PDB file of all heavy atoms in Angstrom:
ATOM      1  N   VAL A   1       0.825  -1.200   0.013  1.00  0.00           N
ATOM      2  CA  VAL A   1       0.005   0.001   0.002  1.00  0.00           C
ATOM      3  C   VAL A   1       0.845   1.266   0.011  1.00  0.00           C
ATOM      4  O   VAL A   1       1.865   1.348   0.725  1.00  0.00           O
ATOM      5  CB  VAL A   1      -0.936   0.036   1.229  1.00  0.00           C
ATOM      6  CG1 VAL A   1      -1.761   1.323   1.270  1.00  0.00           C
ATOM      7  CG2 VAL A   1      -1.837  -1.173   1.226  1.00  0.00           C
ATOM      8  N   VAL A   2       0.453   2.215  -0.838  1.00  0.00           N
ATOM      9  CA  VAL A   2       0.971   3.598  -0.750  1.00  0.00           C
ATOM     10  C   VAL A   2      -0.259   4.471  -0.511  1.00  0.00           C
ATOM     11  O   VAL A   2      -1.260   4.353  -1.216  1.00  0.00           O
ATOM     12  CB  VAL A   2       1.670   4.014  -2.086  1.00  0.00           C
ATOM     13  CG1 VAL A   2       2.048   5.495  -2.016  1.00  0.00           C
ATOM     14  CG2 VAL A   2       2.922   3.153  -2.262  1.00  0.00           C
ATOM     15  N   ALA A   3      -0.186   5.387   0.478  1.00  0.00           N
ATOM     16  CA  ALA A   3      -1.329   6.258   0.800  1.00  0.00           C
ATOM     17  C   ALA A   3      -0.918   7.717   0.733  1.00  0.00           C
ATOM     18  O   ALA A   3       0.150   8.103   1.307  1.00  0.00           O
ATOM     19  CB  ALA A   3      -1.853   5.930   2.185  1.00  0.00           C
ATOM     20  N   VAL A   4      -1.698   8.523   0.004  1.00  0.00           N
ATOM     21  CA  VAL A   4      -1.392   9.926  -0.190  1.00  0.00           C
ATOM     22  C   VAL A   4      -2.612  10.808   0.010  1.00  0.00           C
ATOM     23  O   VAL A   4      -3.740  10.307  -0.104  1.00  0.00           O
ATOM     24  CB  VAL A   4      -0.779  10.196  -1.594  1.00  0.00           C
ATOM     25  CG1 VAL A   4       0.523   9.413  -1.762  1.00  0.00           C
ATOM     26  CG2 VAL A   4      -1.780   9.813  -2.663  1.00  0.00           C
ATOM     27  N   PRO A   5      -2.479  12.137   0.268  1.00  0.00           N
ATOM     28  CA  PRO A   5      -3.614  12.947   0.606  1.00  0.00           C
ATOM     29  C   PRO A   5      -4.248  13.754  -0.551  1.00  0.00           C
ATOM     30  O   PRO A   5      -5.379  14.218  -0.374  1.00  0.00           O
ATOM     31  CB  PRO A   5      -3.034  13.920   1.654  1.00  0.00           C
ATOM     32  CG  PRO A   5      -1.600  14.096   1.231  1.00  0.00           C
ATOM     33  CD  PRO A   5      -1.178  12.754   0.680  1.00  0.00           C
ATOM     34  N   THR A   6      -3.533  13.971  -1.634  1.00  0.00           N
ATOM     35  CA  THR A   6      -4.092  14.833  -2.693  1.00  0.00           C
ATOM     36  C   THR A   6      -3.787  14.333  -4.080  1.00  0.00           C
ATOM     37  O   THR A   6      -3.003  13.373  -4.260  1.00  0.00           O
ATOM     38  CB  THR A   6      -3.458  16.264  -2.609  1.00  0.00           C
ATOM     39  OG1 THR A   6      -2.055  16.160  -2.936  1.00  0.00           O
ATOM     40  CG2 THR A   6      -3.580  16.867  -1.195  1.00  0.00           C
ATOM     41  N   GLY A   7      -4.413  14.960  -5.090  1.00  0.00           N
ATOM     42  CA  GLY A   7      -4.170  14.568  -6.464  1.00  0.00           C
ATOM     43  C   GLY A   7      -2.709  14.793  -6.847  1.00  0.00           C
ATOM     44  O   GLY A   7      -2.168  14.011  -7.641  1.00  0.00           O
ATOM     45  N   ARG A   8      -2.107  15.887  -6.353  1.00  0.00           N
ATOM     46  CA  ARG A   8      -0.707  16.143  -6.682  1.00  0.00           C
ATOM     47  C   ARG A   8       0.181  14.970  -6.187  1.00  0.00           C
ATOM     48  O   ARG A   8       1.059  14.490  -6.893  1.00  0.00           O
ATOM     49  CB  ARG A   8      -0.256  17.461  -6.065  1.00  0.00           C
ATOM     50  CG  ARG A   8       1.207  17.799  -6.293  1.00  0.00           C
ATOM     51  CD  ARG A   8       1.501  19.219  -5.807  1.00  0.00           C
ATOM     52  NE  ARG A   8       1.230  19.364  -4.378  1.00  0.00           N
ATOM     53  CZ  ARG A   8       2.104  18.999  -3.417  1.00  0.00           C
ATOM     54  NH1 ARG A   8       3.291  18.492  -3.737  1.00  0.00           N
ATOM     55  NH2 ARG A   8       1.829  19.183  -2.149  1.00  0.00           N
ATOM     56  N   HIS A   9      -0.080  14.547  -4.961  1.00  0.00           N
ATOM     57  CA  HIS A   9       0.674  13.417  -4.427  1.00  0.00           C
ATOM     58  C   HIS A   9       0.363  12.110  -5.153  1.00  0.00           C
ATOM     59  O   HIS A   9       1.232  11.266  -5.328  1.00  0.00           O
ATOM     60  CB  HIS A   9       0.353  13.271  -2.924  1.00  0.00           C
ATOM     61  CG  HIS A   9       0.901  14.370  -2.069  1.00  0.00           C
ATOM     62  ND1 HIS A   9       0.155  15.517  -1.766  1.00  0.00           N
ATOM     63  CD2 HIS A   9       2.112  14.545  -1.481  1.00  0.00           C
ATOM     64  CE1 HIS A   9       0.868  16.289  -0.989  1.00  0.00           C
ATOM     65  NE2 HIS A   9       2.051  15.749  -0.802  1.00  0.00           N
ATOM     66  N   MET A  10      -0.882  11.983  -5.633  1.00  0.00           N
ATOM     67  CA  MET A  10      -1.241  10.796  -6.369  1.00  0.00           C
ATOM     68  C   MET A  10      -0.422  10.665  -7.657  1.00  0.00           C
ATOM     69  O   MET A  10       0.100   9.585  -7.984  1.00  0.00           O
ATOM     70  CB  MET A  10      -2.737  10.868  -6.751  1.00  0.00           C
ATOM     71  CG  MET A  10      -3.215   9.665  -7.579  1.00  0.00           C
ATOM     72  SD  MET A  10      -4.819   9.926  -8.379  1.00  0.00           S
ATOM     73  CE  MET A  10      -4.288  10.979  -9.791  1.00  0.00           C
ATOM     74  N   ARG A  11      -0.288  11.807  -8.382  1.00  0.00           N
ATOM     75  CA  ARG A  11       0.474  11.760  -9.610  1.00  0.00           C
ATOM     76  C   ARG A  11       1.964  11.402  -9.346  1.00  0.00           C
ATOM     77  O   ARG A  11       2.594  10.647 -10.116  1.00  0.00           O
ATOM     78  CB  ARG A  11       0.391  13.087 -10.322  1.00  0.00           C
ATOM     79  CG  ARG A  11      -1.026  13.388 -10.879  1.00  0.00           C
ATOM     80  CD  ARG A  11      -1.049  14.615 -11.747  1.00  0.00           C
ATOM     81  NE  ARG A  11      -2.385  14.800 -12.354  1.00  0.00           N
ATOM     82  CZ  ARG A  11      -3.334  15.494 -11.770  1.00  0.00           C
ATOM     83  NH1 ARG A  11      -3.115  16.124 -10.613  1.00  0.00           N
ATOM     84  NH2 ARG A  11      -4.531  15.629 -12.357  1.00  0.00           N
ATOM     85  N   ALA A  12       2.483  11.956  -8.291  1.00  0.00           N
ATOM     86  CA  ALA A  12       3.884  11.653  -7.947  1.00  0.00           C
ATOM     87  C   ALA A  12       4.043  10.173  -7.593  1.00  0.00           C
ATOM     88  O   ALA A  12       4.990   9.519  -8.018  1.00  0.00           O
ATOM     89  CB  ALA A  12       4.337  12.529  -6.766  1.00  0.00           C
ATOM     90  N   ALA A  13       3.074   9.644  -6.848  1.00  0.00           N
ATOM     91  CA  ALA A  13       3.162   8.198  -6.476  1.00  0.00           C
ATOM     92  C   ALA A  13       3.009   7.319  -7.675  1.00  0.00           C
ATOM     93  O   ALA A  13       3.694   6.272  -7.800  1.00  0.00           O
ATOM     94  CB  ALA A  13       2.050   7.890  -5.474  1.00  0.00           C
ATOM     95  N   LEU A  14       2.171   7.693  -8.648  1.00  0.00           N
ATOM     96  CA  LEU A  14       2.014   6.903  -9.842  1.00  0.00           C
ATOM     97  C   LEU A  14       3.302   6.767 -10.606  1.00  0.00           C
ATOM     98  O   LEU A  14       3.659   5.724 -11.183  1.00  0.00           O
ATOM     99  CB  LEU A  14       0.905   7.483 -10.765  1.00  0.00           C
ATOM    100  CG  LEU A  14      -0.534   7.313 -10.300  1.00  0.00           C
ATOM    101  CD1 LEU A  14      -1.456   8.204 -11.089  1.00  0.00           C
ATOM    102  CD2 LEU A  14      -0.962   5.849 -10.406  1.00  0.00           C
ATOM    103  N   GLU A  15       4.050   7.874 -10.654  1.00  0.00           N
ATOM    104  CA  GLU A  15       5.308   7.880 -11.370  1.00  0.00           C
ATOM    105  C   GLU A  15       6.457   7.220 -10.596  1.00  0.00           C
ATOM    106  O   GLU A  15       7.290   6.540 -11.184  1.00  0.00           O
ATOM    107  CB  GLU A  15       5.682   9.327 -11.744  1.00  0.00           C
ATOM    108  CG  GLU A  15       4.734   9.989 -12.705  1.00  0.00           C
ATOM    109  CD  GLU A  15       4.583   9.268 -14.033  1.00  0.00           C
ATOM    110  OE1 GLU A  15       5.601   8.774 -14.546  1.00  0.00           O
ATOM    111  OE2 GLU A  15       3.460   9.187 -14.550  1.00  0.00           O
ATOM    112  N   GLU A  16       6.461   7.414  -9.282  1.00  0.00           N
ATOM    113  CA  GLU A  16       7.604   6.987  -8.480  1.00  0.00           C
ATOM    114  C   GLU A  16       7.443   5.605  -7.859  1.00  0.00           C
ATOM    115  O   GLU A  16       8.404   4.899  -7.669  1.00  0.00           O
ATOM    116  CB  GLU A  16       7.845   8.005  -7.351  1.00  0.00           C
ATOM    117  CG  GLU A  16       8.206   9.408  -7.866  1.00  0.00           C
ATOM    118  CD  GLU A  16       8.203  10.441  -6.775  1.00  0.00           C
ATOM    119  OE1 GLU A  16       8.050  10.046  -5.594  1.00  0.00           O
ATOM    120  OE2 GLU A  16       8.308  11.647  -7.072  1.00  0.00           O
ATOM    121  N   SER A  17       6.183   5.202  -7.530  1.00  0.00           N
ATOM    122  CA  SER A  17       5.973   3.963  -6.820  1.00  0.00           C
ATOM    123  C   SER A  17       5.144   2.949  -7.553  1.00  0.00           C
ATOM    124  O   SER A  17       4.920   1.840  -7.041  1.00  0.00           O
ATOM    125  CB  SER A  17       5.246   4.263  -5.466  1.00  0.00           C
ATOM    126  OG  SER A  17       5.960   5.259  -4.740  1.00  0.00           O
ATOM    127  N   GLY A  18       4.645   3.278  -8.758  1.00  0.00           N
ATOM    128  CA  GLY A  18       3.832   2.365  -9.544  1.00  0.00           C
ATOM    129  C   GLY A  18       4.621   1.253 -10.149  1.00  0.00           C
ATOM    130  O   GLY A  18       5.845   1.179  -9.951  1.00  0.00           O
ATOM    131  N   PRO A  19       3.965   0.358 -10.927  1.00  0.00           N
ATOM    132  CA  PRO A  19       2.533   0.402 -11.201  1.00  0.00           C
ATOM    133  C   PRO A  19       1.693  -0.109 -10.049  1.00  0.00           C
ATOM    134  O   PRO A  19       2.170  -0.815  -9.179  1.00  0.00           O
ATOM    135  CB  PRO A  19       2.394  -0.540 -12.401  1.00  0.00           C
ATOM    136  CG  PRO A  19       3.537  -1.511 -12.214  1.00  0.00           C
ATOM    137  CD  PRO A  19       4.657  -0.740 -11.597  1.00  0.00           C
ATOM    138  N   PHE A  20       0.407   0.290 -10.064  1.00  0.00           N
ATOM    139  CA  PHE A  20      -0.539  -0.108  -9.051  1.00  0.00           C
ATOM    140  C   PHE A  20      -1.616  -1.030  -9.683  1.00  0.00           C
ATOM    141  O   PHE A  20      -1.960  -0.868 -10.845  1.00  0.00           O
ATOM    142  CB  PHE A  20      -1.197   1.090  -8.407  1.00  0.00           C
ATOM    143  CG  PHE A  20      -0.241   1.927  -7.576  1.00  0.00           C
ATOM    144  CD1 PHE A  20       0.392   3.003  -8.144  1.00  0.00           C
ATOM    145  CD2 PHE A  20       0.013   1.591  -6.243  1.00  0.00           C
ATOM    146  CE1 PHE A  20       1.291   3.767  -7.358  1.00  0.00           C
ATOM    147  CE2 PHE A  20       0.883   2.344  -5.490  1.00  0.00           C
ATOM    148  CZ  PHE A  20       1.550   3.439  -6.078  1.00  0.00           C
ATOM    149  N   ASP A  21      -2.115  -1.910  -8.864  1.00  0.00           N
ATOM    150  CA  ASP A  21      -3.174  -2.835  -9.329  1.00  0.00           C
ATOM    151  C   ASP A  21      -4.543  -2.225  -9.155  1.00  0.00           C
ATOM    152  O   ASP A  21      -5.515  -2.664  -9.818  1.00  0.00           O
ATOM    153  CB  ASP A  21      -3.068  -4.170  -8.582  1.00  0.00           C
ATOM    154  CG  ASP A  21      -1.773  -4.914  -8.900  1.00  0.00           C
ATOM    155  OD1 ASP A  21      -1.622  -5.408 -10.026  1.00  0.00           O
ATOM    156  OD2 ASP A  21      -0.900  -4.923  -7.997  1.00  0.00           O
ATOM    157  N   LEU A  22      -4.672  -1.235  -8.247  1.00  0.00           N
ATOM    158  CA  LEU A  22      -5.966  -0.593  -8.040  1.00  0.00           C
ATOM    159  C   LEU A  22      -5.727   0.708  -7.298  1.00  0.00           C
ATOM    160  O   LEU A  22      -4.802   0.817  -6.501  1.00  0.00           O
ATOM    161  CB  LEU A  22      -6.903  -1.477  -7.229  1.00  0.00           C
ATOM    162  CG  LEU A  22      -8.305  -0.925  -6.949  1.00  0.00           C
ATOM    163  CD1 LEU A  22      -9.364  -2.046  -7.116  1.00  0.00           C
ATOM    164  CD2 LEU A  22      -8.392  -0.389  -5.513  1.00  0.00           C
ATOM    165  N   ILE A  23      -6.568   1.700  -7.574  1.00  0.00           N
ATOM    166  CA  ILE A  23      -6.523   3.001  -6.903  1.00  0.00           C
ATOM    167  C   ILE A  23      -7.797   3.200  -6.120  1.00  0.00           C
ATOM    168  O   ILE A  23      -8.899   3.091  -6.668  1.00  0.00           O
ATOM    169  CB  ILE A  23      -6.354   4.146  -7.899  1.00  0.00           C
ATOM    170  CG1 ILE A  23      -5.039   4.008  -8.699  1.00  0.00           C
ATOM    171  CG2 ILE A  23      -6.381   5.507  -7.171  1.00  0.00           C
ATOM    172  CD1 ILE A  23      -4.901   4.992  -9.842  1.00  0.00           C
ATOM    173  N   ILE A  24      -7.653   3.426  -4.803  1.00  0.00           N
ATOM    174  CA  ILE A  24      -8.784   3.843  -3.941  1.00  0.00           C
ATOM    175  C   ILE A  24      -8.828   5.352  -3.919  1.00  0.00           C
ATOM    176  O   ILE A  24      -7.855   5.997  -3.446  1.00  0.00           O
ATOM    177  CB  ILE A  24      -8.650   3.265  -2.559  1.00  0.00           C
ATOM    178  CG1 ILE A  24      -8.628   1.724  -2.570  1.00  0.00           C
ATOM    179  CG2 ILE A  24      -9.771   3.767  -1.634  1.00  0.00           C
ATOM    180  CD1 ILE A  24      -8.293   1.069  -1.259  1.00  0.00           C
ATOM    181  N   LEU A  25      -9.866   5.955  -4.449  1.00  0.00           N
ATOM    182  CA  LEU A  25      -9.872   7.400  -4.683  1.00  0.00           C
ATOM    183  C   LEU A  25     -11.052   8.064  -3.989  1.00  0.00           C
ATOM    184  O   LEU A  25     -12.213   7.743  -4.274  1.00  0.00           O
ATOM    185  CB  LEU A  25      -9.954   7.663  -6.212  1.00  0.00           C
ATOM    186  CG  LEU A  25      -9.954   9.103  -6.713  1.00  0.00           C
ATOM    187  CD1 LEU A  25      -8.669   9.824  -6.284  1.00  0.00           C
ATOM    188  CD2 LEU A  25     -10.115   9.106  -8.223  1.00  0.00           C
ATOM    189  N   ASP A  26     -10.776   8.994  -3.074  1.00  0.00           N
ATOM    190  CA  ASP A  26     -11.840   9.725  -2.376  1.00  0.00           C
ATOM    191  C   ASP A  26     -12.453  10.772  -3.280  1.00  0.00           C
ATOM    192  O   ASP A  26     -11.752  11.429  -4.061  1.00  0.00           O
ATOM    193  CB  ASP A  26     -11.272  10.397  -1.120  1.00  0.00           C
ATOM    194  CG  ASP A  26     -12.340  11.020  -0.253  1.00  0.00           C
ATOM    195  OD1 ASP A  26     -13.476  10.475  -0.248  1.00  0.00           O
ATOM    196  OD2 ASP A  26     -12.046  12.018   0.417  1.00  0.00           O
ATOM    197  N   LEU A  27     -13.779  10.895  -3.250  1.00  0.00           N
ATOM    198  CA  LEU A  27     -14.447  11.884  -4.083  1.00  0.00           C
ATOM    199  C   LEU A  27     -14.159  13.287  -3.641  1.00  0.00           C
ATOM    200  O   LEU A  27     -13.879  14.183  -4.470  1.00  0.00           O
ATOM    201  CB  LEU A  27     -15.976  11.606  -4.033  1.00  0.00           C
ATOM    202  CG  LEU A  27     -16.855  12.577  -4.817  1.00  0.00           C
ATOM    203  CD1 LEU A  27     -16.596  12.479  -6.326  1.00  0.00           C
ATOM    204  CD2 LEU A  27     -18.331  12.324  -4.500  1.00  0.00           C
ATOM    205  N   MET A  28     -14.235  13.515  -2.338  1.00  0.00           N
ATOM    206  CA  MET A  28     -14.039  14.900  -1.826  1.00  0.00           C
ATOM    207  C   MET A  28     -12.606  15.118  -1.377  1.00  0.00           C
ATOM    208  O   MET A  28     -12.174  14.708  -0.301  1.00  0.00           O
ATOM    209  CB  MET A  28     -14.972  15.135  -0.623  1.00  0.00           C
ATOM    210  CG  MET A  28     -16.467  14.871  -0.962  1.00  0.00           C
ATOM    211  SD  MET A  28     -17.060  16.014  -2.264  1.00  0.00           S
ATOM    212  CE  MET A  28     -17.084  17.573  -1.362  1.00  0.00           C
ATOM    213  N   LEU A  29     -11.846  15.750  -2.244  1.00  0.00           N
ATOM    214  CA  LEU A  29     -10.446  16.042  -1.979  1.00  0.00           C
ATOM    215  C   LEU A  29     -10.187  17.532  -2.100  1.00  0.00           C
ATOM    216  O   LEU A  29     -10.842  18.227  -2.854  1.00  0.00           O
ATOM    217  CB  LEU A  29      -9.535  15.303  -2.969  1.00  0.00           C
ATOM    218  CG  LEU A  29      -9.444  13.776  -2.869  1.00  0.00           C
ATOM    219  CD1 LEU A  29      -8.727  13.209  -4.095  1.00  0.00           C
ATOM    220  CD2 LEU A  29      -8.732  13.354  -1.604  1.00  0.00           C
ATOM    221  N   PRO A  30      -9.210  18.052  -1.358  1.00  0.00           N
ATOM    222  CA  PRO A  30      -8.853  19.488  -1.539  1.00  0.00           C
ATOM    223  C   PRO A  30      -8.199  19.699  -2.915  1.00  0.00           C
ATOM    224  O   PRO A  30      -7.500  18.833  -3.408  1.00  0.00           O
ATOM    225  CB  PRO A  30      -7.843  19.741  -0.390  1.00  0.00           C
ATOM    226  CG  PRO A  30      -7.270  18.379  -0.106  1.00  0.00           C
ATOM    227  CD  PRO A  30      -8.388  17.402  -0.349  1.00  0.00           C
ATOM    228  N   GLY A  31      -8.505  20.844  -3.530  1.00  0.00           N
ATOM    229  CA  GLY A  31      -7.956  21.091  -4.873  1.00  0.00           C
ATOM    230  C   GLY A  31      -8.723  20.309  -5.892  1.00  0.00           C
ATOM    231  O   GLY A  31      -9.967  20.469  -5.988  1.00  0.00           O
ATOM    232  N   GLU A  32      -8.106  19.454  -6.658  1.00  0.00           N
ATOM    233  CA  GLU A  32      -8.794  18.637  -7.633  1.00  0.00           C
ATOM    234  C   GLU A  32      -9.607  17.539  -6.923  1.00  0.00           C
ATOM    235  O   GLU A  32      -9.032  16.781  -6.111  1.00  0.00           O
ATOM    236  CB  GLU A  32      -7.789  17.953  -8.572  1.00  0.00           C
ATOM    237  CG  GLU A  32      -6.975  18.917  -9.425  1.00  0.00           C
ATOM    238  CD  GLU A  32      -5.928  18.220 -10.261  1.00  0.00           C
ATOM    239  OE1 GLU A  32      -4.924  17.764  -9.677  1.00  0.00           O
ATOM    240  OE2 GLU A  32      -6.142  18.079 -11.476  1.00  0.00           O
ATOM    241  N   ASP A  33     -10.876  17.438  -7.218  1.00  0.00           N
ATOM    242  CA  ASP A  33     -11.662  16.436  -6.539  1.00  0.00           C
ATOM    243  C   ASP A  33     -11.544  15.082  -7.254  1.00  0.00           C
ATOM    244  O   ASP A  33     -10.886  14.970  -8.273  1.00  0.00           O
ATOM    245  CB  ASP A  33     -13.161  16.866  -6.475  1.00  0.00           C
ATOM    246  CG  ASP A  33     -13.819  17.000  -7.831  1.00  0.00           C
ATOM    247  OD1 ASP A  33     -13.274  16.419  -8.823  1.00  0.00           O
ATOM    248  OD2 ASP A  33     -14.824  17.672  -7.925  1.00  0.00           O
TER     249      ASP A  33
END
């Protein structure tokens, strides 16, 4: 598991820690929802 708080961190994790088999994505996020 990799856990991050925002879309910006998500993009960084996708590039640095991927590939991922599934993304758990919260609807209500600060900035980009």
